[in-house]
Amino acid sequence: FIPNEPITRILDIGAHYGYFSLWLQSKHPEIKLTSLMIEPSPSCARSLKNLVNQEKLAGRFSYLQRAIGLPDSESSPFYDRSHMAGSRYSLSESEKAIQVQNLTEADLVEQLDVPYDLIKCDIEGSEWEFLNDFQNLITASKYLLLEWHSWHEGGGGLSQIEKYMHSLDFSIVHSSQPMPAIGREGEVGLILFKNRANI
């Protein structure tokens, strides 16, 4: 799913421990990748802070502990989990939410201004809020690699996301087959969108 062209500036939303950014850098050691990693989980904070201070990555990798939340809110409830599925959505009544500061466009631009070669977005159902609230950043970027979830807030599943991205003049480069979600009802999948403007 990764574009077959140089990727040097990425926005890694839902970074977890930074695996994706590190993997992409290891695949292309000849490129000095710049990555801004967004991760709301406090469980990942210490590792991500250590990562961005590594000598080989300092000044190129950065990190913000923020969540993609509801518009006009300063913070959002977040359900932190030991596996890679922390989200704003509860899986059971016994889960306890924490409050995490919401991400803004200003936060992103201050840390790593547009354009981005690739936005990777893996945020467990909050993708509809990201697509709508960060439209300016998306349309100023070349590619969007999106893990979608059929229960996103837009209510229209995969077809709604595809229609919306087409309205922003993005085309589909690759799309996985929808798969049943684990731990809840619904489907998940992966799509690589390309900006037709080819910035």
N, C-alpha and C. Protein backbone atom coordinates (compact mmCIF):
# COMPACT_ATOMS: atom_id res chain seq x y z
N PHE A 1 0.80 -1.22 0.00
CA PHE A 1 0.00 0.00 0.00
C PHE A 1 0.84 1.27 0.00
N ILE A 2 2.14 1.16 0.27
CA ILE A 2 2.99 2.35 0.32
C ILE A 2 3.31 2.80 -1.09
N PRO A 3 3.16 4.08 -1.41
CA PRO A 3 3.45 4.57 -2.76
C PRO A 3 4.88 4.25 -3.17
N ASN A 4 5.05 3.90 -4.43
CA ASN A 4 6.37 3.56 -4.96
C ASN A 4 7.06 4.82 -5.47
N GLU A 5 7.33 5.72 -4.55
CA GLU A 5 8.03 6.95 -4.86
C GLU A 5 8.61 7.50 -3.56
N PRO A 6 9.54 8.42 -3.61
CA PRO A 6 10.15 8.92 -2.36
C PRO A 6 9.11 9.54 -1.43
N ILE A 7 9.12 9.09 -0.20
CA ILE A 7 8.26 9.64 0.86
C ILE A 7 9.21 10.21 1.92
N THR A 8 9.18 11.50 2.11
CA THR A 8 10.12 12.12 3.04
C THR A 8 9.44 12.83 4.20
N ARG A 9 8.18 13.23 4.04
CA ARG A 9 7.46 13.95 5.10
C ARG A 9 6.14 13.25 5.37
N ILE A 10 5.99 12.70 6.60
CA ILE A 10 4.76 11.98 6.90
C ILE A 10 4.11 12.50 8.17
N LEU A 11 2.79 12.41 8.18
CA LEU A 11 1.98 12.69 9.35
C LEU A 11 1.42 11.34 9.78
N ASP A 12 1.84 10.84 10.93
CA ASP A 12 1.51 9.51 11.41
C ASP A 12 0.48 9.64 12.53
N ILE A 13 -0.79 9.53 12.18
CA ILE A 13 -1.88 9.73 13.14
C ILE A 13 -2.36 8.37 13.65
N GLY A 14 -2.29 8.20 14.97
CA GLY A 14 -2.50 6.89 15.56
C GLY A 14 -1.19 6.13 15.52
N ALA A 15 -0.13 6.77 16.02
CA ALA A 15 1.23 6.24 15.86
C ALA A 15 1.54 5.07 16.76
N HIS A 16 0.77 4.90 17.85
CA HIS A 16 1.05 3.88 18.86
C HIS A 16 2.48 4.08 19.35
N TYR A 17 3.37 3.11 19.19
CA TYR A 17 4.75 3.29 19.64
C TYR A 17 5.68 3.79 18.53
N GLY A 18 5.12 4.24 17.42
CA GLY A 18 5.93 4.76 16.33
C GLY A 18 6.39 3.70 15.35
N TYR A 19 5.76 2.53 15.39
CA TYR A 19 6.20 1.42 14.55
C TYR A 19 6.17 1.76 13.06
N PHE A 20 5.09 2.39 12.61
CA PHE A 20 4.96 2.67 11.18
C PHE A 20 6.07 3.60 10.71
N SER A 21 6.30 4.69 11.44
CA SER A 21 7.34 5.64 11.03
C SER A 21 8.72 5.00 11.04
N LEU A 22 8.99 4.21 12.07
CA LEU A 22 10.28 3.51 12.15
C LEU A 22 10.43 2.50 11.02
N TRP A 23 9.36 1.76 10.73
CA TRP A 23 9.41 0.78 9.65
C TRP A 23 9.68 1.47 8.32
N LEU A 24 8.98 2.57 8.05
CA LEU A 24 9.18 3.27 6.78
C LEU A 24 10.60 3.81 6.67
N GLN A 25 11.15 4.32 7.77
CA GLN A 25 12.54 4.79 7.75
C GLN A 25 13.50 3.64 7.51
N SER A 26 13.25 2.48 8.10
CA SER A 26 14.14 1.33 7.92
C SER A 26 14.09 0.77 6.50
N LYS A 27 12.93 0.93 5.85
CA LYS A 27 12.80 0.46 4.46
C LYS A 27 13.57 1.35 3.50
N HIS A 28 13.80 2.61 3.88
CA HIS A 28 14.50 3.56 3.02
C HIS A 28 15.56 4.30 3.83
N PRO A 29 16.62 3.60 4.24
CA PRO A 29 17.66 4.24 5.07
C PRO A 29 18.38 5.37 4.36
N GLU A 30 18.29 5.40 3.04
CA GLU A 30 18.96 6.46 2.28
C GLU A 30 18.22 7.79 2.37
N ILE A 31 16.96 7.76 2.83
CA ILE A 31 16.14 8.95 2.96
C ILE A 31 16.07 9.37 4.42
N LYS A 32 16.26 10.64 4.69
CA LYS A 32 16.09 11.15 6.06
C LYS A 32 14.63 11.56 6.23
N LEU A 33 13.86 10.62 6.72
CA LEU A 33 12.42 10.80 6.86
C LEU A 33 12.11 11.79 7.99
N THR A 34 11.12 12.65 7.75
CA THR A 34 10.59 13.54 8.78
C THR A 34 9.18 13.07 9.11
N SER A 35 8.92 12.81 10.39
CA SER A 35 7.62 12.28 10.80
C SER A 35 7.10 13.03 12.03
N LEU A 36 5.84 13.43 11.96
CA LEU A 36 5.12 13.94 13.12
C LEU A 36 4.14 12.86 13.54
N MET A 37 4.35 12.31 14.75
CA MET A 37 3.54 11.20 15.24
C MET A 37 2.51 11.72 16.25
N ILE A 38 1.25 11.37 16.02
CA ILE A 38 0.15 11.76 16.89
C ILE A 38 -0.39 10.51 17.59
N GLU A 39 -0.38 10.51 18.90
CA GLU A 39 -0.85 9.33 19.65
C GLU A 39 -1.46 9.79 20.98
N PRO A 40 -2.76 9.49 21.21
CA PRO A 40 -3.41 9.92 22.43
C PRO A 40 -3.09 9.07 23.66
N SER A 41 -2.63 7.85 23.47
CA SER A 41 -2.46 6.93 24.59
C SER A 41 -1.32 7.34 25.52
N PRO A 42 -1.62 7.54 26.82
CA PRO A 42 -0.55 7.85 27.76
C PRO A 42 0.41 6.67 27.95
N SER A 43 -0.05 5.46 27.65
CA SER A 43 0.82 4.28 27.78
C SER A 43 2.00 4.33 26.82
N CYS A 44 1.83 5.04 25.71
CA CYS A 44 2.89 5.12 24.70
C CYS A 44 3.79 6.34 24.87
N ALA A 45 3.41 7.25 25.77
CA ALA A 45 4.07 8.56 25.85
C ALA A 45 5.56 8.46 26.14
N ARG A 46 5.94 7.67 27.15
CA ARG A 46 7.35 7.61 27.53
C ARG A 46 8.21 7.08 26.38
N SER A 47 7.74 6.02 25.73
CA SER A 47 8.50 5.44 24.62
C SER A 47 8.62 6.41 23.45
N LEU A 48 7.54 7.13 23.14
CA LEU A 48 7.58 8.07 22.03
C LEU A 48 8.49 9.26 22.34
N LYS A 49 8.48 9.72 23.58
CA LYS A 49 9.38 10.81 23.96
C LYS A 49 10.84 10.37 23.85
N ASN A 50 11.12 9.13 24.25
CA ASN A 50 12.48 8.60 24.11
C ASN A 50 12.85 8.45 22.64
N LEU A 51 11.89 8.01 21.84
CA LEU A 51 12.15 7.80 20.42
C LEU A 51 12.57 9.08 19.71
N VAL A 52 11.82 10.16 19.94
CA VAL A 52 12.11 11.40 19.22
C VAL A 52 13.42 12.04 19.69
N ASN A 53 13.95 11.58 20.82
CA ASN A 53 15.23 12.10 21.31
C ASN A 53 16.42 11.24 20.92
N GLN A 54 16.16 10.15 20.18
CA GLN A 54 17.27 9.33 19.70
C GLN A 54 18.14 10.16 18.76
N GLU A 55 19.44 9.98 18.88
CA GLU A 55 20.38 10.83 18.12
C GLU A 55 20.10 10.81 16.62
N LYS A 56 19.81 9.63 16.07
CA LYS A 56 19.61 9.52 14.62
C LYS A 56 18.28 10.11 14.16
N LEU A 57 17.36 10.33 15.09
CA LEU A 57 16.03 10.81 14.73
C LEU A 57 15.74 12.22 15.23
N ALA A 58 16.56 12.72 16.13
CA ALA A 58 16.32 14.04 16.73
C ALA A 58 16.25 15.12 15.66
N GLY A 59 15.23 15.95 15.77
CA GLY A 59 15.04 17.01 14.79
C GLY A 59 14.25 16.58 13.58
N ARG A 60 14.02 15.26 13.43
CA ARG A 60 13.25 14.75 12.29
C ARG A 60 11.96 14.08 12.73
N PHE A 61 11.99 13.35 13.84
CA PHE A 61 10.79 12.73 14.39
C PHE A 61 10.29 13.57 15.56
N SER A 62 9.00 13.86 15.59
CA SER A 62 8.39 14.59 16.70
C SER A 62 7.07 13.93 17.08
N TYR A 63 6.54 14.32 18.24
CA TYR A 63 5.39 13.60 18.80
C TYR A 63 4.48 14.57 19.55
N LEU A 64 3.18 14.37 19.39
CA LEU A 64 2.16 15.09 20.15
C LEU A 64 1.18 14.09 20.76
N GLN A 65 0.88 14.25 22.05
CA GLN A 65 -0.15 13.42 22.67
C GLN A 65 -1.48 14.14 22.52
N ARG A 66 -2.19 13.79 21.48
CA ARG A 66 -3.46 14.43 21.15
C ARG A 66 -4.44 13.37 20.61
N ALA A 67 -5.72 13.72 20.63
CA ALA A 67 -6.76 12.84 20.09
C ALA A 67 -7.52 13.56 18.98
N ILE A 68 -8.05 12.79 18.04
CA ILE A 68 -8.99 13.33 17.07
C ILE A 68 -10.35 13.30 17.76
N GLY A 69 -10.86 14.48 18.07
CA GLY A 69 -12.08 14.53 18.87
C GLY A 69 -13.21 15.25 18.16
N LEU A 70 -14.27 15.43 18.88
CA LEU A 70 -15.44 16.12 18.34
C LEU A 70 -15.14 17.60 18.16
N PRO A 71 -15.67 18.22 17.10
CA PRO A 71 -15.44 19.65 16.86
C PRO A 71 -15.91 20.50 18.05
N ASP A 72 -15.23 21.62 18.25
CA ASP A 72 -15.60 22.58 19.29
C ASP A 72 -15.42 22.04 20.71
N SER A 73 -14.63 20.98 20.86
CA SER A 73 -14.32 20.46 22.19
C SER A 73 -12.81 20.53 22.41
N GLU A 74 -12.39 20.85 23.62
CA GLU A 74 -10.97 20.92 23.92
C GLU A 74 -10.37 19.56 24.20
N SER A 75 -11.19 18.63 24.67
CA SER A 75 -10.70 17.29 24.97
C SER A 75 -11.78 16.27 24.65
N SER A 76 -11.36 14.99 24.60
CA SER A 76 -12.30 13.91 24.29
C SER A 76 -12.04 12.72 25.20
N PRO A 77 -13.07 11.93 25.48
CA PRO A 77 -12.84 10.69 26.23
C PRO A 77 -12.07 9.70 25.36
N PHE A 78 -11.14 8.99 25.98
CA PHE A 78 -10.32 8.02 25.25
C PHE A 78 -10.18 6.78 26.11
N TYR A 79 -10.38 5.62 25.48
CA TYR A 79 -10.27 4.34 26.17
C TYR A 79 -8.92 3.72 25.81
N ASP A 80 -8.01 3.81 26.78
CA ASP A 80 -6.66 3.30 26.56
C ASP A 80 -6.66 1.78 26.76
N ARG A 81 -5.95 1.08 25.88
CA ARG A 81 -5.91 -0.39 25.96
C ARG A 81 -4.49 -0.87 25.76
N SER A 82 -4.20 -2.06 26.27
CA SER A 82 -2.85 -2.60 26.19
C SER A 82 -2.49 -3.02 24.77
N HIS A 83 -3.48 -3.28 23.93
CA HIS A 83 -3.22 -3.66 22.54
C HIS A 83 -3.43 -2.44 21.64
N MET A 84 -3.22 -2.61 20.34
CA MET A 84 -3.25 -1.46 19.43
C MET A 84 -4.69 -1.14 19.00
N ALA A 85 -5.55 -0.84 19.96
CA ALA A 85 -6.94 -0.55 19.62
C ALA A 85 -7.56 0.46 20.57
N GLY A 86 -6.74 1.30 21.20
CA GLY A 86 -7.28 2.38 22.00
C GLY A 86 -8.11 3.30 21.11
N SER A 87 -9.23 3.81 21.64
CA SER A 87 -10.10 4.64 20.80
C SER A 87 -11.05 5.46 21.65
N ARG A 88 -11.88 6.26 20.98
CA ARG A 88 -12.94 7.02 21.65
C ARG A 88 -14.18 6.17 21.87
N TYR A 89 -14.15 4.92 21.42
CA TYR A 89 -15.32 4.06 21.50
C TYR A 89 -15.12 2.97 22.56
N SER A 90 -16.06 2.85 23.47
CA SER A 90 -15.99 1.85 24.52
C SER A 90 -16.36 0.47 23.97
N LEU A 91 -15.65 -0.54 24.46
CA LEU A 91 -15.96 -1.92 24.08
C LEU A 91 -16.81 -2.62 25.13
N SER A 92 -16.87 -2.07 26.34
CA SER A 92 -17.70 -2.67 27.39
C SER A 92 -18.02 -1.59 28.44
N GLU A 93 -19.05 -1.86 29.22
CA GLU A 93 -19.46 -0.90 30.25
C GLU A 93 -18.43 -0.77 31.36
N SER A 94 -17.56 -1.75 31.50
CA SER A 94 -16.56 -1.72 32.57
C SER A 94 -15.36 -0.84 32.24
N GLU A 95 -15.22 -0.46 30.96
CA GLU A 95 -14.07 0.37 30.57
C GLU A 95 -14.21 1.79 31.12
N LYS A 96 -13.10 2.34 31.57
CA LYS A 96 -13.07 3.70 32.08
C LYS A 96 -12.34 4.61 31.10
N ALA A 97 -12.92 5.75 30.79
CA ALA A 97 -12.31 6.69 29.84
C ALA A 97 -11.41 7.67 30.57
N ILE A 98 -10.38 8.13 29.86
CA ILE A 98 -9.58 9.25 30.31
C ILE A 98 -9.83 10.41 29.35
N GLN A 99 -9.51 11.62 29.75
CA GLN A 99 -9.67 12.78 28.88
C GLN A 99 -8.33 13.11 28.23
N VAL A 100 -8.35 13.28 26.91
CA VAL A 100 -7.14 13.62 26.16
C VAL A 100 -7.41 14.89 25.36
N GLN A 101 -6.44 15.79 25.34
CA GLN A 101 -6.58 17.04 24.58
C GLN A 101 -6.76 16.75 23.11
N ASN A 102 -7.67 17.49 22.47
CA ASN A 102 -7.95 17.30 21.05
C ASN A 102 -6.87 17.94 20.18
N LEU A 103 -6.63 17.32 19.04
CA LEU A 103 -5.69 17.83 18.05
C LEU A 103 -6.35 18.93 17.24
N THR A 104 -5.57 19.95 16.87
CA THR A 104 -6.05 21.01 15.98
C THR A 104 -5.11 21.15 14.79
N GLU A 105 -5.60 21.80 13.74
CA GLU A 105 -4.72 22.08 12.60
C GLU A 105 -3.53 22.92 13.02
N ALA A 106 -3.76 23.86 13.93
CA ALA A 106 -2.68 24.72 14.40
C ALA A 106 -1.58 23.91 15.07
N ASP A 107 -1.97 22.88 15.84
CA ASP A 107 -0.98 22.00 16.47
C ASP A 107 -0.07 21.37 15.42
N LEU A 108 -0.69 20.88 14.35
CA LEU A 108 0.07 20.18 13.31
C LEU A 108 0.98 21.13 12.55
N VAL A 109 0.44 22.24 12.13
CA VAL A 109 1.22 23.20 11.34
C VAL A 109 2.41 23.74 12.14
N GLU A 110 2.21 23.92 13.44
CA GLU A 110 3.29 24.41 14.29
C GLU A 110 4.44 23.41 14.37
N GLN A 111 4.11 22.12 14.40
CA GLN A 111 5.13 21.08 14.54
C GLN A 111 5.74 20.68 13.19
N LEU A 112 4.88 20.52 12.18
CA LEU A 112 5.34 20.11 10.85
C LEU A 112 4.35 20.62 9.82
N ASP A 113 4.71 21.70 9.16
CA ASP A 113 3.80 22.36 8.23
C ASP A 113 3.59 21.52 6.98
N VAL A 114 2.47 21.74 6.29
CA VAL A 114 2.18 21.09 5.02
C VAL A 114 3.16 21.60 3.96
N PRO A 115 3.31 20.87 2.86
CA PRO A 115 2.60 19.64 2.50
C PRO A 115 3.26 18.39 3.09
N TYR A 116 2.46 17.33 3.19
CA TYR A 116 2.96 16.02 3.59
C TYR A 116 2.96 15.11 2.36
N ASP A 117 3.97 14.26 2.26
CA ASP A 117 3.96 13.26 1.19
C ASP A 117 2.92 12.19 1.48
N LEU A 118 2.78 11.84 2.76
CA LEU A 118 1.87 10.78 3.15
C LEU A 118 1.27 11.08 4.52
N ILE A 119 -0.05 10.96 4.61
CA ILE A 119 -0.73 10.95 5.90
C ILE A 119 -1.18 9.52 6.15
N LYS A 120 -0.72 8.94 7.24
CA LYS A 120 -1.18 7.61 7.65
C LYS A 120 -2.14 7.80 8.82
N CYS A 121 -3.35 7.28 8.70
CA CYS A 121 -4.40 7.51 9.69
C CYS A 121 -4.99 6.18 10.16
N ASP A 122 -4.73 5.84 11.42
CA ASP A 122 -5.22 4.60 12.02
C ASP A 122 -5.76 4.96 13.40
N ILE A 123 -7.04 5.39 13.45
CA ILE A 123 -7.57 5.95 14.69
C ILE A 123 -8.87 5.29 15.13
N GLU A 124 -9.06 4.05 14.75
CA GLU A 124 -10.07 3.18 15.35
C GLU A 124 -11.48 3.77 15.38
N GLY A 125 -11.92 4.30 14.25
CA GLY A 125 -13.31 4.76 14.15
C GLY A 125 -13.50 6.26 14.15
N SER A 126 -12.44 7.03 14.44
CA SER A 126 -12.57 8.50 14.46
C SER A 126 -12.17 9.14 13.13
N GLU A 127 -12.05 8.31 12.09
CA GLU A 127 -11.55 8.83 10.82
C GLU A 127 -12.50 9.85 10.18
N TRP A 128 -13.80 9.74 10.42
CA TRP A 128 -14.73 10.70 9.80
C TRP A 128 -14.49 12.11 10.33
N GLU A 129 -14.23 12.23 11.63
CA GLU A 129 -13.90 13.54 12.21
C GLU A 129 -12.61 14.08 11.60
N PHE A 130 -11.61 13.22 11.45
CA PHE A 130 -10.36 13.68 10.86
C PHE A 130 -10.57 14.16 9.43
N LEU A 131 -11.28 13.40 8.62
CA LEU A 131 -11.49 13.76 7.22
C LEU A 131 -12.20 15.10 7.08
N ASN A 132 -13.14 15.38 7.97
CA ASN A 132 -13.90 16.62 7.88
C ASN A 132 -13.20 17.81 8.53
N ASP A 133 -12.56 17.59 9.66
CA ASP A 133 -11.99 18.70 10.42
C ASP A 133 -10.59 19.10 9.98
N PHE A 134 -9.93 18.25 9.20
CA PHE A 134 -8.55 18.52 8.77
C PHE A 134 -8.44 18.53 7.24
N GLN A 135 -9.52 18.96 6.60
CA GLN A 135 -9.61 18.96 5.14
C GLN A 135 -8.49 19.76 4.49
N ASN A 136 -8.13 20.90 5.07
CA ASN A 136 -7.09 21.74 4.47
C ASN A 136 -5.75 21.01 4.41
N LEU A 137 -5.43 20.26 5.47
CA LEU A 137 -4.17 19.53 5.49
C LEU A 137 -4.20 18.34 4.54
N ILE A 138 -5.35 17.68 4.46
CA ILE A 138 -5.48 16.52 3.58
C ILE A 138 -5.30 16.94 2.12
N THR A 139 -5.98 18.01 1.73
CA THR A 139 -5.92 18.44 0.32
C THR A 139 -4.57 19.05 -0.06
N ALA A 140 -3.74 19.35 0.94
CA ALA A 140 -2.39 19.86 0.67
C ALA A 140 -1.36 18.75 0.68
N SER A 141 -1.80 17.50 0.71
CA SER A 141 -0.90 16.35 0.80
C SER A 141 -1.06 15.44 -0.41
N LYS A 142 -0.05 14.60 -0.66
CA LYS A 142 -0.07 13.73 -1.84
C LYS A 142 -0.91 12.48 -1.64
N TYR A 143 -0.71 11.82 -0.50
CA TYR A 143 -1.37 10.53 -0.27
C TYR A 143 -2.00 10.49 1.12
N LEU A 144 -3.07 9.71 1.23
CA LEU A 144 -3.68 9.40 2.51
C LEU A 144 -3.84 7.89 2.60
N LEU A 145 -3.17 7.28 3.58
CA LEU A 145 -3.32 5.86 3.86
C LEU A 145 -4.25 5.74 5.07
N LEU A 146 -5.44 5.22 4.84
CA LEU A 146 -6.51 5.27 5.84
C LEU A 146 -7.00 3.89 6.21
N GLU A 147 -6.95 3.57 7.51
CA GLU A 147 -7.67 2.40 8.01
C GLU A 147 -9.08 2.87 8.34
N TRP A 148 -10.08 2.32 7.67
CA TRP A 148 -11.46 2.75 7.88
C TRP A 148 -12.21 1.71 8.73
N HIS A 149 -13.25 2.20 9.41
CA HIS A 149 -14.09 1.38 10.27
C HIS A 149 -15.54 1.69 9.95
N SER A 150 -16.35 0.68 9.74
CA SER A 150 -17.72 0.90 9.26
C SER A 150 -18.58 1.67 10.25
N TRP A 151 -18.16 1.75 11.53
CA TRP A 151 -18.97 2.44 12.54
C TRP A 151 -18.56 3.90 12.74
N HIS A 152 -17.82 4.47 11.81
CA HIS A 152 -17.40 5.86 11.97
C HIS A 152 -18.61 6.79 12.09
N GLU A 153 -18.37 8.00 12.62
CA GLU A 153 -19.46 8.92 12.97
C GLU A 153 -20.26 9.42 11.77
N GLY A 154 -19.75 9.28 10.57
CA GLY A 154 -20.51 9.72 9.41
C GLY A 154 -21.74 8.88 9.17
N GLY A 155 -21.68 7.61 9.61
CA GLY A 155 -22.83 6.72 9.53
C GLY A 155 -23.00 5.98 8.21
N GLY A 156 -22.14 6.27 7.23
CA GLY A 156 -22.31 5.66 5.91
C GLY A 156 -21.26 4.66 5.52
N GLY A 157 -20.44 4.21 6.47
CA GLY A 157 -19.47 3.17 6.19
C GLY A 157 -18.45 3.55 5.13
N LEU A 158 -17.95 2.53 4.44
CA LEU A 158 -16.90 2.71 3.44
C LEU A 158 -17.35 3.59 2.28
N SER A 159 -18.56 3.38 1.77
CA SER A 159 -19.00 4.13 0.59
C SER A 159 -19.04 5.63 0.86
N GLN A 160 -19.38 6.02 2.08
CA GLN A 160 -19.42 7.44 2.42
C GLN A 160 -18.01 8.03 2.40
N ILE A 161 -17.03 7.29 2.92
CA ILE A 161 -15.64 7.76 2.91
C ILE A 161 -15.13 7.90 1.48
N GLU A 162 -15.41 6.90 0.65
CA GLU A 162 -14.96 6.95 -0.74
C GLU A 162 -15.57 8.15 -1.47
N LYS A 163 -16.87 8.37 -1.28
CA LYS A 163 -17.54 9.49 -1.94
C LYS A 163 -16.96 10.82 -1.47
N TYR A 164 -16.70 10.93 -0.18
CA TYR A 164 -16.15 12.16 0.37
C TYR A 164 -14.76 12.44 -0.19
N MET A 165 -13.91 11.42 -0.24
CA MET A 165 -12.55 11.62 -0.76
C MET A 165 -12.56 11.95 -2.25
N HIS A 166 -13.49 11.38 -2.98
CA HIS A 166 -13.63 11.75 -4.40
C HIS A 166 -14.02 13.22 -4.54
N SER A 167 -14.83 13.71 -3.60
CA SER A 167 -15.23 15.13 -3.65
C SER A 167 -14.04 16.05 -3.38
N LEU A 168 -13.02 15.53 -2.70
CA LEU A 168 -11.79 16.31 -2.46
C LEU A 168 -10.78 16.11 -3.58
N ASP A 169 -11.18 15.39 -4.64
CA ASP A 169 -10.34 15.13 -5.82
C ASP A 169 -9.21 14.15 -5.51
N PHE A 170 -9.53 13.13 -4.72
CA PHE A 170 -8.61 12.03 -4.47
C PHE A 170 -9.12 10.78 -5.18
N SER A 171 -8.21 9.98 -5.70
CA SER A 171 -8.56 8.71 -6.32
C SER A 171 -8.05 7.56 -5.45
N ILE A 172 -8.61 6.37 -5.64
CA ILE A 172 -8.19 5.19 -4.90
C ILE A 172 -7.07 4.50 -5.65
N VAL A 173 -5.94 4.31 -4.99
CA VAL A 173 -4.80 3.59 -5.58
C VAL A 173 -4.88 2.11 -5.23
N HIS A 174 -5.11 1.80 -3.96
CA HIS A 174 -5.26 0.42 -3.48
C HIS A 174 -6.38 0.38 -2.45
N SER A 175 -7.09 -0.74 -2.41
CA SER A 175 -8.14 -0.92 -1.41
C SER A 175 -8.20 -2.39 -1.03
N SER A 176 -8.17 -2.68 0.27
CA SER A 176 -8.27 -4.06 0.73
C SER A 176 -9.73 -4.50 0.74
N GLN A 177 -9.93 -5.81 0.81
CA GLN A 177 -11.28 -6.33 0.99
C GLN A 177 -11.73 -6.04 2.42
N PRO A 178 -12.97 -5.59 2.63
CA PRO A 178 -13.46 -5.39 3.99
C PRO A 178 -13.38 -6.69 4.79
N MET A 179 -12.99 -6.56 6.06
CA MET A 179 -12.87 -7.73 6.93
C MET A 179 -13.71 -7.50 8.19
N PRO A 180 -14.22 -8.59 8.78
CA PRO A 180 -14.98 -8.44 10.03
C PRO A 180 -14.09 -7.86 11.14
N ALA A 181 -14.64 -6.92 11.88
CA ALA A 181 -13.90 -6.35 13.00
C ALA A 181 -13.76 -7.38 14.12
N ILE A 182 -12.72 -7.24 14.90
CA ILE A 182 -12.51 -8.12 16.06
C ILE A 182 -12.93 -7.37 17.32
N GLY A 183 -13.82 -7.96 18.08
CA GLY A 183 -14.23 -7.37 19.35
C GLY A 183 -15.48 -6.52 19.28
N ARG A 184 -16.00 -6.32 18.07
CA ARG A 184 -17.24 -5.55 17.94
C ARG A 184 -17.86 -5.81 16.58
N GLU A 185 -19.11 -5.38 16.39
CA GLU A 185 -19.80 -5.54 15.11
C GLU A 185 -19.23 -4.56 14.09
N GLY A 186 -19.19 -4.95 12.83
CA GLY A 186 -18.76 -4.05 11.78
C GLY A 186 -17.61 -4.59 10.98
N GLU A 187 -17.13 -3.76 10.05
CA GLU A 187 -16.04 -4.14 9.16
C GLU A 187 -14.93 -3.10 9.21
N VAL A 188 -13.73 -3.54 8.82
CA VAL A 188 -12.58 -2.66 8.74
C VAL A 188 -11.84 -2.93 7.43
N GLY A 189 -11.02 -1.98 7.03
CA GLY A 189 -10.23 -2.16 5.82
C GLY A 189 -9.21 -1.06 5.68
N LEU A 190 -8.44 -1.13 4.61
CA LEU A 190 -7.35 -0.19 4.37
C LEU A 190 -7.47 0.36 2.96
N ILE A 191 -7.28 1.67 2.81
CA ILE A 191 -7.33 2.32 1.49
C ILE A 191 -6.17 3.30 1.37
N LEU A 192 -5.55 3.30 0.19
CA LEU A 192 -4.58 4.33 -0.15
C LEU A 192 -5.22 5.26 -1.17
N PHE A 193 -5.37 6.53 -0.79
CA PHE A 193 -5.91 7.56 -1.68
C PHE A 193 -4.75 8.42 -2.21
N LYS A 194 -4.89 8.87 -3.45
CA LYS A 194 -3.90 9.77 -4.05
C LYS A 194 -4.58 11.07 -4.47
N ASN A 195 -3.94 12.17 -4.15
CA ASN A 195 -4.42 13.49 -4.56
C ASN A 195 -4.26 13.63 -6.07
N ARG A 196 -5.35 13.83 -6.77
CA ARG A 196 -5.26 13.93 -8.24
C ARG A 196 -4.46 15.15 -8.67
N ALA A 197 -4.38 16.16 -7.81
CA ALA A 197 -3.57 17.32 -8.13
C ALA A 197 -2.08 16.97 -8.15
N ASN A 198 -1.74 15.80 -7.54
CA ASN A 198 -0.37 15.28 -7.55
C ASN A 198 0.65 16.34 -7.09
N ILE A 199 0.35 16.93 -5.95
CA ILE A 199 1.18 18.01 -5.43
C ILE A 199 2.60 17.53 -5.17
